[in-house]
Amino acid sequence: MFPDGNPMLRDGQTGDWIGTFLGHKGAVWSARLTKDASKAVTGSADFTAKVWDTFTGDALHSFSHGHIIRSADFSDDGTRIVTGGVEKKLRIFDLYRPDAPPLEADGHAGTIKSVAFDERRNVILSAGEDKVIRVWDLRTFKQVTTLDADDAITSMNLSSDGKYITSTAGSHAYFWDASNYHLAKSYVTQHDVPSVSLHPDHSRFVAGSMGTDLWVRIYDFETGKELEVYKGHHGAIHTVSYSPDGEIYATGSGWHDKALADDSRQVVRPLAEQSEGGREWQWAGLSRWVGL
């Protein structure tokens, strides 16, 4: 999250700064890229979701909401966005018809923390403080099923191959089979886990941490055994994300710093910032990633 409202675009291999999106008037909680990295969508505390041209930095669209937006995502073809936040409401906007009213759906009893398109199965996923992941039919926008957690959900994403829905709640890490919504794996860690990322080959997963624990941990996916521990941040590690090839992962902290690291525990590159950030990362291939 950037309190100054300025999310950044960086090179996926080196972490080098490419550009900053200027235009929000409040903290930015979410940022996502299209699959070709040509556009970005951001959700902000200024009650707007904005779509950006990543080559020029221009704001292409701005969609007003009634309260803070905590999460936004693109459809696979980049023609629609879905948003969710403090209003507890899902909205789908058509970028070909930006002035048309959005499709809306209600169902959550708490702030929506994460949203994601899963067009392989024609659904949208949403997760929130009501301890529930909700699955919505993309054609009717009706709720299909729910996945229950043991605490308020702090993050939810699809694995890079779309086979698993990964989520975190309190000290729990959940891995749901996205084809049938059965719980495939669930692990309880020693610390609160705000984010996890599954390696592309499903051999392990990386987890951040909160509270007094400032370590990044790598776990075996089959057994849950802790494999590696890394320390380098000076604050809670809110977000972690493997690169598409699994060679490196990005970590983001709420204390002015971010990093790229590999599984040998070597920091490939620390990425210092001058504002509190590190709430979310997303890769677009290996060429670019957007971070808060």
Protein backbone atom coordinates (compact mmCIF):
# COMPACT_ATOMS: atom_id res chain seq x y z
CA MET A 1 0.00 0.00 0.00
CA PHE A 2 1.31 3.43 -0.98
CA PRO A 3 -0.02 6.22 1.27
CA ASP A 4 1.16 8.75 -1.32
CA GLY A 5 -1.11 7.16 -3.92
CA ASN A 6 1.69 6.45 -6.41
CA PRO A 7 2.07 2.76 -7.40
CA MET A 8 5.22 1.86 -9.34
CA LEU A 9 6.01 -0.29 -12.35
CA ARG A 10 9.31 -2.19 -12.28
CA ASP A 11 11.41 -4.48 -14.45
CA GLY A 12 10.68 -8.13 -13.67
CA GLN A 13 14.31 -9.28 -13.89
CA THR A 14 16.20 -6.48 -12.18
CA GLY A 15 13.60 -4.66 -10.12
CA ASP A 16 14.61 -1.40 -11.81
CA TRP A 17 12.05 1.37 -11.69
CA ILE A 18 10.17 1.91 -14.97
CA GLY A 19 7.55 4.45 -14.01
CA THR A 20 5.11 5.77 -11.44
CA PHE A 21 1.36 6.18 -11.94
CA LEU A 22 0.30 9.65 -10.80
CA GLY A 23 -3.33 10.58 -10.27
CA HIS A 24 -4.79 8.99 -7.13
CA LYS A 25 -5.57 11.28 -4.21
CA GLY A 26 -5.46 8.58 -1.54
CA ALA A 27 -3.55 5.47 -0.54
CA VAL A 28 -3.49 2.75 -3.20
CA TRP A 29 -4.37 -0.70 -1.88
CA SER A 30 -4.28 -2.84 -5.00
CA ALA A 31 -2.54 -3.01 -8.38
CA ARG A 32 -2.82 -5.56 -11.17
CA LEU A 33 -1.49 -5.88 -14.74
CA THR A 34 -3.04 -7.33 -17.87
CA LYS A 35 -1.36 -10.50 -19.12
CA ASP A 36 0.54 -8.52 -21.78
CA ALA A 37 1.48 -5.84 -19.20
CA SER A 38 0.06 -3.09 -21.42
CA LYS A 39 -2.43 -1.86 -18.82
CA ALA A 40 -2.62 -1.64 -15.02
CA VAL A 41 -5.59 -1.29 -12.71
CA THR A 42 -5.35 0.25 -9.25
CA GLY A 43 -7.81 0.47 -6.36
CA SER A 44 -7.53 3.35 -3.92
CA ALA A 45 -8.71 4.96 -0.71
CA ASP A 46 -9.83 7.92 -2.85
CA PHE A 47 -12.88 5.76 -3.79
CA THR A 48 -11.74 5.22 -7.38
CA ALA A 49 -10.38 2.40 -9.50
CA LYS A 50 -8.15 3.62 -12.32
CA VAL A 51 -6.94 1.88 -15.48
CA TRP A 52 -3.53 2.99 -16.78
CA ASP A 53 -1.51 2.73 -19.96
CA THR A 54 1.78 1.23 -18.74
CA PHE A 55 3.79 2.65 -21.64
CA THR A 56 2.72 6.28 -21.32
CA GLY A 57 1.60 6.35 -17.68
CA ASP A 58 -1.69 7.96 -18.72
CA ALA A 59 -4.92 7.21 -16.84
CA LEU A 60 -7.30 5.68 -19.39
CA HIS A 61 -10.36 5.28 -17.16
CA SER A 62 -11.45 6.23 -13.65
CA PHE A 63 -14.40 4.48 -11.99
CA SER A 64 -15.98 6.05 -8.91
CA HIS A 65 -17.10 3.98 -5.91
CA GLY A 66 -18.82 4.75 -2.63
CA HIS A 67 -15.90 3.80 -0.39
CA ILE A 68 -12.31 2.46 -0.29
CA ILE A 69 -11.37 -0.13 -2.91
CA ARG A 70 -9.19 -2.90 -1.51
CA SER A 71 -8.77 -5.11 -4.57
CA ALA A 72 -9.13 -5.04 -8.37
CA ASP A 73 -8.32 -7.47 -11.17
CA PHE A 74 -8.42 -7.75 -14.96
CA SER A 75 -10.20 -10.34 -17.06
CA ASP A 76 -7.89 -12.54 -19.12
CA ASP A 77 -8.35 -10.43 -22.25
CA GLY A 78 -8.00 -7.14 -20.36
CA THR A 79 -11.42 -5.83 -21.41
CA ARG A 80 -13.10 -5.92 -17.97
CA ILE A 81 -12.15 -5.23 -14.37
CA VAL A 82 -13.67 -6.46 -11.12
CA THR A 83 -13.42 -4.47 -7.90
CA GLY A 84 -14.22 -5.00 -4.23
CA GLY A 85 -13.64 -3.21 -0.94
CA VAL A 86 -15.19 -1.61 2.10
CA GLU A 87 -18.64 -1.41 0.48
CA LYS A 88 -18.76 -5.26 0.58
CA LYS A 89 -19.91 -5.13 -3.03
CA LEU A 90 -18.46 -6.62 -6.22
CA ARG A 91 -18.54 -4.59 -9.41
CA ILE A 92 -17.59 -5.51 -12.99
CA PHE A 93 -16.77 -2.66 -15.39
CA ASP A 94 -16.60 -3.09 -19.17
CA LEU A 95 -13.65 -1.10 -20.57
CA TYR A 96 -15.27 -1.06 -24.01
CA ARG A 97 -18.26 0.71 -22.41
CA PRO A 98 -16.72 2.68 -19.55
CA ASP A 99 -19.77 4.91 -19.13
CA ALA A 100 -22.18 1.98 -18.74
CA PRO A 101 -23.34 1.06 -15.22
CA PRO A 102 -21.31 -1.82 -13.76
CA LEU A 103 -22.66 -5.25 -12.93
CA GLU A 104 -22.99 -5.52 -9.15
CA ALA A 105 -23.25 -8.34 -6.62
CA ASP A 106 -23.73 -8.35 -2.85
CA GLY A 107 -23.03 -11.17 -0.44
CA HIS A 108 -20.06 -10.43 1.78
CA ALA A 109 -20.66 -9.42 5.39
CA GLY A 110 -17.27 -7.70 5.73
CA THR A 111 -14.73 -5.75 3.70
CA ILE A 112 -13.66 -7.57 0.53
CA LYS A 113 -9.87 -7.97 0.66
CA SER A 114 -9.20 -9.86 -2.59
CA VAL A 115 -10.86 -10.42 -5.96
CA ALA A 116 -9.75 -12.53 -8.92
CA PHE A 117 -11.04 -13.61 -12.31
CA ASP A 118 -10.95 -17.36 -13.03
CA GLU A 119 -12.11 -17.50 -16.61
CA ARG A 120 -11.04 -21.12 -17.07
CA ARG A 121 -14.15 -21.91 -15.02
CA ASN A 122 -16.17 -18.78 -15.85
CA VAL A 123 -16.18 -17.54 -12.26
CA ILE A 124 -15.00 -14.65 -10.13
CA LEU A 125 -13.48 -15.23 -6.70
CA SER A 126 -13.81 -12.82 -3.78
CA ALA A 127 -12.54 -13.07 -0.21
CA GLY A 128 -12.95 -10.90 2.82
CA GLU A 129 -13.09 -10.17 6.49
CA ASP A 130 -16.22 -12.33 6.87
CA LYS A 131 -13.91 -15.42 6.73
CA VAL A 132 -15.38 -16.57 3.40
CA ILE A 133 -14.18 -17.00 -0.17
CA ARG A 134 -17.17 -16.63 -2.45
CA VAL A 135 -17.36 -18.05 -5.98
CA TRP A 136 -19.55 -16.17 -8.47
CA ASP A 137 -20.80 -17.33 -11.88
CA LEU A 138 -19.35 -14.87 -14.38
CA ARG A 139 -22.36 -15.11 -16.70
CA THR A 140 -25.11 -14.54 -14.12
CA PHE A 141 -23.09 -12.95 -11.28
CA LYS A 142 -24.86 -15.33 -8.88
CA GLN A 143 -23.02 -17.03 -6.04
CA VAL A 144 -22.04 -20.62 -6.82
CA THR A 145 -20.40 -21.78 -3.60
CA THR A 146 -18.41 -20.61 -0.58
CA LEU A 147 -15.11 -21.69 0.98
CA ASP A 148 -14.85 -21.11 4.74
CA ALA A 149 -11.72 -20.07 6.64
CA ASP A 150 -10.99 -20.01 10.37
CA ASP A 151 -10.29 -16.28 10.54
CA ALA A 152 -10.66 -13.07 8.55
CA ILE A 153 -9.06 -13.66 5.14
CA THR A 154 -6.03 -11.47 4.50
CA SER A 155 -5.18 -12.60 0.95
CA MET A 156 -6.49 -14.80 -1.86
CA ASN A 157 -5.07 -15.57 -5.30
CA LEU A 158 -5.02 -18.18 -8.03
CA SER A 159 -1.79 -20.13 -8.45
CA SER A 160 0.10 -19.30 -11.65
CA ASP A 161 -1.31 -22.39 -13.44
CA GLY A 162 -4.83 -21.83 -12.09
CA LYS A 163 -4.97 -25.20 -10.31
CA TYR A 164 -5.12 -23.88 -6.76
CA ILE A 165 -6.83 -21.05 -4.93
CA THR A 166 -4.33 -19.90 -2.30
CA SER A 167 -5.48 -17.94 0.72
CA THR A 168 -4.37 -16.88 4.18
CA ALA A 169 -6.30 -16.21 7.39
CA GLY A 170 -4.61 -15.66 10.74
CA SER A 171 -1.87 -18.28 11.03
CA HIS A 172 -3.48 -20.56 8.42
CA ALA A 173 -2.41 -21.11 4.82
CA TYR A 174 -5.05 -22.72 2.60
CA PHE A 175 -4.75 -24.34 -0.80
CA TRP A 176 -8.07 -25.13 -2.47
CA ASP A 177 -8.47 -27.27 -5.60
CA ALA A 178 -9.86 -24.75 -8.09
CA SER A 179 -11.55 -27.46 -10.17
CA ASN A 180 -13.88 -28.71 -7.43
CA TYR A 181 -13.34 -26.25 -4.52
CA HIS A 182 -12.23 -28.98 -2.14
CA LEU A 183 -9.53 -28.13 0.40
CA ALA A 184 -6.35 -29.78 -0.91
CA LYS A 185 -3.89 -28.58 1.75
CA SER A 186 -4.09 -26.54 4.93
CA TYR A 187 -1.21 -25.64 7.23
CA VAL A 188 -1.06 -23.81 10.54
CA THR A 189 2.12 -21.80 11.00
CA GLN A 190 3.68 -20.38 14.16
CA HIS A 191 2.92 -16.81 13.08
CA ASP A 192 0.19 -14.85 11.36
CA VAL A 193 0.58 -15.21 7.60
CA PRO A 194 -0.68 -12.28 5.49
CA SER A 195 0.28 -13.79 2.12
CA VAL A 196 1.53 -16.99 0.45
CA SER A 197 2.67 -17.84 -3.06
CA LEU A 198 2.84 -21.35 -4.50
CA HIS A 199 5.88 -22.26 -6.62
CA PRO A 200 4.93 -23.00 -10.25
CA ASP A 201 6.01 -26.65 -9.88
CA HIS A 202 3.96 -27.06 -6.66
CA SER A 203 6.98 -28.25 -4.70
CA ARG A 204 6.98 -25.45 -2.11
CA PHE A 205 5.42 -22.17 -1.12
CA VAL A 206 6.74 -18.90 0.27
CA ALA A 207 5.01 -17.09 3.14
CA GLY A 208 5.27 -13.64 4.65
CA SER A 209 4.72 -12.77 8.31
CA MET A 210 3.21 -10.20 10.65
CA GLY A 211 3.56 -9.05 14.24
CA THR A 212 6.99 -9.33 15.80
CA ASP A 213 8.17 -11.98 13.34
CA LEU A 214 9.96 -10.40 10.36
CA TRP A 215 11.00 -13.54 8.49
CA VAL A 216 10.17 -14.91 5.06
CA ARG A 217 9.76 -18.69 5.14
CA ILE A 218 9.78 -21.39 2.45
CA TYR A 219 7.68 -24.50 3.17
CA ASP A 220 7.39 -27.90 1.50
CA PHE A 221 3.99 -27.99 -0.20
CA GLU A 222 3.36 -31.71 0.40
CA THR A 223 4.33 -31.85 4.07
CA GLY A 224 4.25 -28.28 5.34
CA LYS A 225 7.81 -28.66 6.65
CA GLU A 226 9.78 -25.44 6.94
CA LEU A 227 12.65 -25.54 4.43
CA GLU A 228 14.23 -22.10 4.43
CA VAL A 229 14.15 -18.91 6.49
CA TYR A 230 15.15 -15.47 5.29
CA LYS A 231 15.39 -12.17 7.17
CA GLY A 232 16.07 -8.79 5.64
CA HIS A 233 12.99 -6.65 6.11
CA HIS A 234 12.44 -4.27 8.99
CA GLY A 235 8.67 -4.62 9.18
CA ALA A 236 5.78 -7.01 8.61
CA ILE A 237 6.02 -8.80 5.25
CA HIS A 238 2.59 -8.24 3.78
CA THR A 239 3.05 -9.78 0.36
CA VAL A 240 5.11 -12.47 -1.39
CA SER A 241 5.03 -13.66 -4.98
CA TYR A 242 7.01 -16.17 -7.06
CA SER A 243 8.05 -15.17 -10.55
CA PRO A 244 6.36 -17.19 -13.35
CA ASP A 245 9.47 -19.35 -13.82
CA GLY A 246 9.91 -19.86 -10.06
CA GLU A 247 13.51 -18.70 -10.09
CA ILE A 248 12.98 -15.70 -7.82
CA TYR A 249 10.30 -14.28 -5.58
CA ALA A 250 9.35 -10.75 -4.57
CA THR A 251 8.59 -9.72 -0.99
CA GLY A 252 7.03 -6.50 0.22
CA SER A 253 7.12 -4.98 3.68
CA GLY A 254 5.21 -2.18 5.33
CA TRP A 255 8.49 -0.55 6.38
CA HIS A 256 9.82 1.29 3.34
CA ASP A 257 11.39 -1.76 1.73
CA LYS A 258 10.89 -4.53 -0.79
CA ALA A 259 13.18 -7.22 -2.17
CA LEU A 260 13.75 -9.77 -4.89
CA ALA A 261 15.24 -13.05 -3.63
CA ASP A 262 15.97 -16.55 -4.91
CA ASP A 263 15.49 -19.90 -3.23
CA SER A 264 19.15 -20.07 -2.22
CA ARG A 265 18.28 -17.38 0.36
CA GLN A 266 20.26 -14.77 -1.56
CA VAL A 267 18.76 -11.32 -1.92
CA VAL A 268 18.90 -10.61 -5.63
CA ARG A 269 18.06 -6.98 -5.06
CA PRO A 270 16.69 -4.91 -2.17
CA LEU A 271 14.31 -2.25 -3.41
CA ALA A 272 14.24 0.70 -1.03
CA GLU A 273 11.28 3.07 -1.13
CA GLN A 274 10.61 6.40 0.49
CA SER A 275 7.07 5.51 1.57
CA GLU A 276 5.33 2.76 3.45
CA GLY A 277 4.48 0.11 0.90
CA GLY A 278 4.66 -3.56 0.04
CA ARG A 279 1.00 -4.56 0.19
CA GLU A 280 0.79 -6.33 -3.15
CA TRP A 281 2.90 -7.63 -6.06
CA GLN A 282 1.85 -9.01 -9.41
CA TRP A 283 4.02 -10.30 -12.23
CA ALA A 284 3.24 -10.04 -15.95
CA GLY A 285 5.49 -12.69 -17.44
CA LEU A 286 9.12 -12.02 -16.56
CA SER A 287 9.23 -8.60 -18.15
CA ARG A 288 7.39 -6.42 -15.67
CA TRP A 289 5.71 -6.34 -12.32
CA VAL A 290 3.64 -3.79 -10.52
CA GLY A 291 3.91 -3.23 -6.78
CA LEU A 292 2.59 -1.18 -3.92
